[in-house]
């Protein structure tokens, strides 16, 4: 269940970064925003993969 919380936090961070870019920065830093969102996505995916692998190894 912990990996679902981690993925949810990563999703909230990605949406918050995009919201800040659109509202406060008037879409001036879209490249940086896309980079940060991509990094957060990759970290979240790695977190999910490692948690899933750990869960599968515990079942065996």
N, C-alpha and C. Protein backbone atom coordinates (compact mmCIF):
# COMPACT_ATOMS: atom_id res chain seq x y z
N UNK A 1 0.82 -1.20 0.00
CA UNK A 1 0.00 0.00 0.00
C UNK A 1 0.86 1.26 0.00
N UNK A 2 2.09 1.14 0.47
CA UNK A 2 2.96 2.31 0.54
C UNK A 2 3.30 2.84 -0.85
N UNK A 3 3.47 1.94 -1.82
CA UNK A 3 3.84 2.40 -3.15
C UNK A 3 2.71 3.17 -3.81
N UNK A 4 1.47 2.87 -3.47
CA UNK A 4 0.34 3.63 -4.01
C UNK A 4 0.37 5.05 -3.46
N UNK A 5 0.69 5.21 -2.19
CA UNK A 5 0.82 6.54 -1.61
C UNK A 5 1.95 7.31 -2.26
N UNK A 6 3.06 6.66 -2.53
CA UNK A 6 4.19 7.30 -3.19
C UNK A 6 3.83 7.77 -4.60
N UNK A 7 3.09 6.93 -5.33
CA UNK A 7 2.66 7.32 -6.68
C UNK A 7 1.67 8.48 -6.62
N UNK A 8 0.80 8.47 -5.64
CA UNK A 8 -0.17 9.56 -5.49
C UNK A 8 0.54 10.88 -5.17
N UNK A 9 1.55 10.83 -4.32
CA UNK A 9 2.32 12.03 -4.00
C UNK A 9 3.06 12.53 -5.23
N UNK A 10 3.62 11.63 -6.03
CA UNK A 10 4.31 12.03 -7.26
C UNK A 10 3.33 12.69 -8.22
N UNK A 11 2.12 12.16 -8.33
CA UNK A 11 1.11 12.74 -9.20
C UNK A 11 0.72 14.14 -8.73
N UNK A 12 0.54 14.30 -7.43
CA UNK A 12 0.21 15.62 -6.88
C UNK A 12 1.33 16.62 -7.15
N UNK A 13 2.58 16.21 -6.98
CA UNK A 13 3.70 17.10 -7.27
C UNK A 13 3.73 17.53 -8.73
N UNK A 14 3.49 16.59 -9.62
CA UNK A 14 3.50 16.91 -11.05
C UNK A 14 2.39 17.91 -11.39
N UNK A 15 1.20 17.70 -10.85
CA UNK A 15 0.09 18.62 -11.11
C UNK A 15 0.34 19.99 -10.49
N UNK A 16 0.93 20.02 -9.31
CA UNK A 16 1.22 21.28 -8.63
C UNK A 16 2.27 22.08 -9.40
N UNK A 17 3.28 21.42 -9.93
CA UNK A 17 4.31 22.10 -10.73
C UNK A 17 3.68 22.70 -11.98
N UNK A 18 2.82 21.94 -12.65
CA UNK A 18 2.15 22.47 -13.84
C UNK A 18 1.22 23.63 -13.50
N UNK A 19 0.51 23.52 -12.40
CA UNK A 19 -0.38 24.60 -11.98
C UNK A 19 0.39 25.88 -11.70
N UNK A 20 1.52 25.74 -11.00
CA UNK A 20 2.35 26.92 -10.74
C UNK A 20 2.87 27.54 -12.03
N UNK A 21 3.27 26.71 -12.97
CA UNK A 21 3.80 27.22 -14.23
C UNK A 21 2.72 27.99 -15.00
N UNK A 22 1.51 27.46 -15.03
CA UNK A 22 0.45 28.11 -15.80
C UNK A 22 -0.05 29.39 -15.14
N UNK A 23 -0.19 29.36 -13.82
CA UNK A 23 -0.82 30.50 -13.14
C UNK A 23 0.17 31.58 -12.75
N UNK A 24 1.22 31.23 -12.05
CA UNK A 24 2.14 32.24 -11.51
C UNK A 24 3.17 32.68 -12.55
N UNK A 25 3.76 31.74 -13.26
CA UNK A 25 4.86 32.05 -14.17
C UNK A 25 4.40 32.30 -15.61
N UNK A 26 3.09 32.25 -15.86
CA UNK A 26 2.51 32.53 -17.17
C UNK A 26 3.15 31.68 -18.28
N UNK A 27 3.41 30.44 -17.97
CA UNK A 27 3.93 29.44 -18.92
C UNK A 27 5.30 29.81 -19.51
N UNK A 28 6.09 30.56 -18.76
CA UNK A 28 7.42 30.97 -19.23
C UNK A 28 8.46 29.87 -19.07
N UNK A 29 8.26 29.00 -18.11
CA UNK A 29 9.24 27.96 -17.79
C UNK A 29 8.71 26.58 -18.14
N UNK A 30 8.12 26.43 -19.30
CA UNK A 30 7.50 25.15 -19.65
C UNK A 30 8.54 24.04 -19.85
N UNK A 31 9.74 24.39 -20.32
CA UNK A 31 10.79 23.38 -20.48
C UNK A 31 11.24 22.83 -19.15
N UNK A 32 11.44 23.72 -18.20
CA UNK A 32 11.84 23.29 -16.86
C UNK A 32 10.73 22.48 -16.21
N UNK A 33 9.50 22.90 -16.42
CA UNK A 33 8.35 22.19 -15.87
C UNK A 33 8.26 20.78 -16.42
N UNK A 34 8.43 20.63 -17.72
CA UNK A 34 8.37 19.31 -18.33
C UNK A 34 9.52 18.43 -17.84
N UNK A 35 10.69 19.02 -17.66
CA UNK A 35 11.84 18.27 -17.15
C UNK A 35 11.56 17.78 -15.73
N UNK A 36 11.07 18.66 -14.87
CA UNK A 36 10.78 18.27 -13.48
C UNK A 36 9.69 17.21 -13.43
N UNK A 37 8.67 17.36 -14.24
CA UNK A 37 7.60 16.36 -14.27
C UNK A 37 8.12 15.01 -14.76
N UNK A 38 9.00 15.03 -15.74
CA UNK A 38 9.58 13.78 -16.23
C UNK A 38 10.44 13.10 -15.19
N UNK A 39 11.23 13.88 -14.47
CA UNK A 39 12.08 13.32 -13.41
C UNK A 39 11.22 12.73 -12.29
N UNK A 40 10.17 13.44 -11.90
CA UNK A 40 9.28 12.92 -10.86
C UNK A 40 8.59 11.64 -11.34
N UNK A 41 8.21 11.59 -12.61
CA UNK A 41 7.59 10.38 -13.16
C UNK A 41 8.55 9.20 -13.14
N UNK A 42 9.79 9.42 -13.52
CA UNK A 42 10.78 8.34 -13.54
C UNK A 42 11.07 7.86 -12.12
N UNK A 43 11.19 8.78 -11.18
CA UNK A 43 11.41 8.39 -9.79
C UNK A 43 10.21 7.60 -9.26
N UNK A 44 9.00 8.07 -9.56
CA UNK A 44 7.80 7.35 -9.13
C UNK A 44 7.71 5.97 -9.74
N UNK A 45 8.08 5.85 -11.01
CA UNK A 45 8.04 4.55 -11.68
C UNK A 45 9.07 3.60 -11.08
N UNK A 46 10.25 4.10 -10.78
CA UNK A 46 11.28 3.26 -10.14
C UNK A 46 10.83 2.83 -8.75
N UNK A 47 10.21 3.74 -8.02
CA UNK A 47 9.69 3.42 -6.69
C UNK A 47 8.63 2.34 -6.78
N UNK A 48 7.73 2.48 -7.74
CA UNK A 48 6.68 1.47 -7.94
C UNK A 48 7.28 0.12 -8.33
N UNK A 49 8.24 0.13 -9.25
CA UNK A 49 8.85 -1.12 -9.69
C UNK A 49 9.57 -1.85 -8.58
N UNK A 50 10.30 -1.11 -7.77
CA UNK A 50 11.02 -1.76 -6.67
C UNK A 50 10.05 -2.28 -5.62
N UNK A 51 8.98 -1.55 -5.34
CA UNK A 51 8.00 -2.02 -4.36
C UNK A 51 7.25 -3.24 -4.88
N UNK A 52 6.94 -3.23 -6.17
CA UNK A 52 6.25 -4.38 -6.75
C UNK A 52 7.13 -5.62 -6.74
N UNK A 53 8.41 -5.44 -7.06
CA UNK A 53 9.35 -6.57 -7.04
C UNK A 53 9.51 -7.11 -5.62
N UNK A 54 9.56 -6.22 -4.63
CA UNK A 54 9.67 -6.65 -3.24
C UNK A 54 8.43 -7.42 -2.81
N UNK A 55 7.27 -6.95 -3.23
CA UNK A 55 6.03 -7.62 -2.88
C UNK A 55 5.95 -9.01 -3.52
N UNK A 56 6.41 -9.12 -4.77
CA UNK A 56 6.39 -10.42 -5.44
C UNK A 56 7.38 -11.39 -4.79
N UNK A 57 8.52 -10.88 -4.32
CA UNK A 57 9.50 -11.77 -3.69
C UNK A 57 9.02 -12.21 -2.31
N UNK A 58 8.20 -11.41 -1.65
CA UNK A 58 7.66 -11.81 -0.35
C UNK A 58 6.64 -12.92 -0.49
N UNK A 59 5.93 -12.97 -1.61
CA UNK A 59 4.92 -14.01 -1.83
C UNK A 59 5.56 -15.38 -2.01
N UNK A 60 6.78 -15.43 -2.54
CA UNK A 60 7.45 -16.71 -2.80
C UNK A 60 8.00 -17.31 -1.58
